C-alpha atoms as a PDB file:
ATOM      1  CA  UNK A   1      60.234   9.223-101.385  1.00  0.00           C
ATOM      2  CA  UNK A   2      57.435  11.317 -99.896  1.00  0.00           C
ATOM      3  CA  UNK A   3      55.755   8.186 -98.493  1.00  0.00           C
ATOM      4  CA  UNK A   4      58.996   7.030 -96.852  1.00  0.00           C
ATOM      5  CA  UNK A   5      59.524  10.471 -95.340  1.00  0.00           C
ATOM      6  CA  UNK A   6      55.931  10.481 -94.067  1.00  0.00           C
ATOM      7  CA  UNK A   7      56.464   7.065 -92.506  1.00  0.00           C
ATOM      8  CA  UNK A   8      59.622   8.221 -90.714  1.00  0.00           C
ATOM      9  CA  UNK A   9      57.938  11.408 -89.479  1.00  0.00           C
ATOM     10  CA  UNK A  10      54.944   9.380 -88.260  1.00  0.00           C
ATOM     11  CA  UNK A  11      57.145   6.913 -86.375  1.00  0.00           C
ATOM     12  CA  UNK A  12      59.167   9.706 -84.754  1.00  0.00           C
ATOM     13  CA  UNK A  13      56.007  11.576 -83.734  1.00  0.00           C
ATOM     14  CA  UNK A  14      54.519   8.374 -82.336  1.00  0.00           C
ATOM     15  CA  UNK A  15      57.613   7.716 -80.258  1.00  0.00           C
ATOM     16  CA  UNK A  16      57.852  11.292 -79.001  1.00  0.00           C
ATOM     17  CA  UNK A  17      54.172  11.922 -78.278  1.00  0.00           C
ATOM     18  CA  UNK A  18      53.370   8.412 -76.980  1.00  0.00           C
ATOM     19  CA  UNK A  19      49.668   8.537 -77.920  1.00  0.00           C
ATOM     20  CA  UNK A  20      47.195   6.459 -75.940  1.00  0.00           C
ATOM     21  CA  UNK A  21      44.408   4.424 -77.452  1.00  0.00           C
ATOM     22  CA  UNK A  22      40.939   5.070 -76.033  1.00  0.00           C
ATOM     23  CA  UNK A  23      39.439   2.035 -74.310  1.00  0.00           C
ATOM     24  CA  UNK A  24      36.492   1.865 -76.726  1.00  0.00           C
ATOM     25  CA  UNK A  25      38.894   1.656 -79.678  1.00  0.00           C
ATOM     26  CA  UNK A  26      41.196  -1.024 -78.241  1.00  0.00           C
ATOM     27  CA  UNK A  27      39.384  -4.059 -79.740  1.00  0.00           C
ATOM     28  CA  UNK A  28      39.389  -2.514 -83.219  1.00  0.00           C
ATOM     29  CA  UNK A  29      42.973  -1.260 -83.448  1.00  0.00           C
ATOM     30  CA  UNK A  30      44.700  -4.649 -83.924  1.00  0.00           C
ATOM     31  CA  UNK A  31      42.215  -5.588 -86.644  1.00  0.00           C
ATOM     32  CA  UNK A  32      42.730  -2.215 -88.332  1.00  0.00           C
ATOM     33  CA  UNK A  33      46.505  -2.721 -88.261  1.00  0.00           C
ATOM     34  CA  UNK A  34      46.222  -6.167 -89.878  1.00  0.00           C
ATOM     35  CA  UNK A  35      43.852  -4.759 -92.513  1.00  0.00           C
ATOM     36  CA  UNK A  36      46.292  -1.919 -93.202  1.00  0.00           C
ATOM     37  CA  UNK A  37      49.155  -4.414 -93.549  1.00  0.00           C
ATOM     38  CA  UNK A  38      47.089  -6.335 -96.079  1.00  0.00           C
ATOM     39  CA  UNK A  39      46.650  -3.171 -98.149  1.00  0.00           C
ATOM     40  CA  UNK A  40      50.364  -2.329 -97.900  1.00  0.00           C
ATOM     41  CA  UNK A  41      51.455  -5.792 -99.033  1.00  0.00           C
ATOM     42  CA  UNK A  42      48.888  -5.686-101.839  1.00  0.00           C
ATOM     43  CA  UNK A  43      50.197  -2.293-102.917  1.00  0.00           C
ATOM     44  CA  UNK A  44      53.790  -3.508-102.876  1.00  0.00           C
ATOM     45  CA  UNK A  45      52.811  -6.530-104.949  1.00  0.00           C
ATOM     46  CA  UNK A  46      51.010  -4.294-107.445  1.00  0.00           C
ATOM     47  CA  UNK A  47      54.046  -2.020-107.611  1.00  0.00           C
ATOM     48  CA  UNK A  48      56.327  -4.941-108.415  1.00  0.00           C
ATOM     49  CA  UNK A  49      53.829  -6.235-111.004  1.00  0.00           C
ATOM     50  CA  UNK A  50      53.797  -2.798-112.617  1.00  0.00           C
ATOM     51  CA  UNK A  51      50.077  -2.178-112.046  1.00  0.00           C
ATOM     52  CA  UNK A  52      50.204   0.083-108.984  1.00  0.00           C
ATOM     53  CA  UNK A  53      47.680   2.919-108.888  1.00  0.00           C
ATOM     54  CA  UNK A  54      47.865   5.347-105.978  1.00  0.00           C
ATOM     55  CA  UNK A  55      44.110   6.011-105.965  1.00  0.00           C
ATOM     56  CA  UNK A  56      43.348   2.291-105.846  1.00  0.00           C
ATOM     57  CA  UNK A  57      45.855   1.885-103.018  1.00  0.00           C
ATOM     58  CA  UNK A  58      44.352   4.663-100.896  1.00  0.00           C
ATOM     59  CA  UNK A  59      40.801   3.430-101.436  1.00  0.00           C
ATOM     60  CA  UNK A  60      41.885  -0.157-100.689  1.00  0.00           C
ATOM     61  CA  UNK A  61      43.726   0.929 -97.543  1.00  0.00           C
ATOM     62  CA  UNK A  62      40.796   2.906 -96.130  1.00  0.00           C
ATOM     63  CA  UNK A  63      38.177   0.361 -97.207  1.00  0.00           C
ATOM     64  CA  UNK A  64      40.116  -2.576 -95.702  1.00  0.00           C
ATOM     65  CA  UNK A  65      40.444  -0.816 -92.362  1.00  0.00           C
ATOM     66  CA  UNK A  66      36.809   0.310 -92.258  1.00  0.00           C
ATOM     67  CA  UNK A  67      35.336  -3.022 -93.358  1.00  0.00           C
ATOM     68  CA  UNK A  68      37.476  -4.999 -90.905  1.00  0.00           C
ATOM     69  CA  UNK A  69      36.526  -2.670 -88.046  1.00  0.00           C
ATOM     70  CA  UNK A  70      32.857  -2.819 -89.072  1.00  0.00           C
ATOM     71  CA  UNK A  71      32.902  -6.624 -89.047  1.00  0.00           C
ATOM     72  CA  UNK A  72      34.353  -6.628 -85.538  1.00  0.00           C
ATOM     73  CA  UNK A  73      31.823  -3.996 -84.421  1.00  0.00           C
ATOM     74  CA  UNK A  74      28.942  -6.090 -85.757  1.00  0.00           C
ATOM     75  CA  UNK A  75      30.439  -9.145 -84.065  1.00  0.00           C
ATOM     76  CA  UNK A  76      30.566  -7.247 -80.761  1.00  0.00           C
ATOM     77  CA  UNK A  77      26.922  -6.254 -81.160  1.00  0.00           C
ATOM     78  CA  UNK A  78      25.972  -9.887 -81.828  1.00  0.00           C
ATOM     79  CA  UNK A  79      28.101 -11.171 -78.957  1.00  0.00           C
ATOM     80  CA  UNK A  80      30.564 -13.019 -81.190  1.00  0.00           C
ATOM     81  CA  UNK A  81      33.227 -10.322 -81.493  1.00  0.00           C
ATOM     82  CA  UNK A  82      36.135 -12.611 -80.648  1.00  0.00           C
ATOM     83  CA  UNK A  83      35.127 -15.194 -83.248  1.00  0.00           C
ATOM     84  CA  UNK A  84      34.677 -12.595 -85.997  1.00  0.00           C
ATOM     85  CA  UNK A  85      37.967 -10.934 -85.014  1.00  0.00           C
ATOM     86  CA  UNK A  86      39.695 -14.283 -85.412  1.00  0.00           C
ATOM     87  CA  UNK A  87      38.006 -14.843 -88.763  1.00  0.00           C
ATOM     88  CA  UNK A  88      39.095 -11.414 -90.031  1.00  0.00           C
ATOM     89  CA  UNK A  89      42.683 -11.992 -88.902  1.00  0.00           C
ATOM     90  CA  UNK A  90      42.768 -15.429 -90.566  1.00  0.00           C
ATOM     91  CA  UNK A  91      41.401 -14.152 -93.880  1.00  0.00           C
ATOM     92  CA  UNK A  92      43.653 -11.097 -93.941  1.00  0.00           C
ATOM     93  CA  UNK A  93      46.600 -13.224 -92.817  1.00  0.00           C
ATOM     94  CA  UNK A  94      46.072 -15.567 -95.748  1.00  0.00           C
ATOM     95  CA  UNK A  95      45.997 -12.562 -98.102  1.00  0.00           C
ATOM     96  CA  UNK A  96      49.135 -11.081 -96.530  1.00  0.00           C
ATOM     97  CA  UNK A  97      51.055 -14.343 -96.903  1.00  0.00           C
ATOM     98  CA  UNK A  98      49.838 -14.781-100.490  1.00  0.00           C
ATOM     99  CA  UNK A  99      51.044 -11.281-101.339  1.00  0.00           C
ATOM    100  CA  UNK A 100      54.328 -11.888 -99.495  1.00  0.00           C
ATOM    101  CA  UNK A 101      54.861 -15.073-101.501  1.00  0.00           C
ATOM    102  CA  UNK A 102      54.199 -13.212-104.763  1.00  0.00           C
ATOM    103  CA  UNK A 103      56.626 -10.481-103.699  1.00  0.00           C
ATOM    104  CA  UNK A 104      59.255 -13.097-102.816  1.00  0.00           C
ATOM    105  CA  UNK A 105      58.788 -14.810-106.189  1.00  0.00           C
ATOM    106  CA  UNK A 106      59.122 -11.498-107.968  1.00  0.00           C
ATOM    107  CA  UNK A 107      62.208 -10.356-106.075  1.00  0.00           C
ATOM    108  CA  UNK A 108      64.113 -13.651-105.887  1.00  0.00           C
ATOM    109  CA  UNK A 109      62.687 -15.404-108.940  1.00  0.00           C
ATOM    110  CA  UNK A 110      61.956 -18.357-106.677  1.00  0.00           C
END
């Protein structure tokens, strides 16, 4: 319940304050969002499987975002940022869809 309330408060604050993203952060934000979604879907899957651990979720969430952003940063330094960004999105997308399929199987028994 606290997490849902925090989500609602965060959305309302985001809509009211209309924060801007600094230019230097713009290439990393979409990758960070996809990495965060991967952690959320993984956490939901673990919750439905009965093995959810809040500490593991928080560490996974932060680590996913940092590692994904670091990969893109290294790619930018090497001059292949777009290719590594695409690779990160593909890998995380595969994980998100795998977790979504497991969630669907758990919820609908199909």
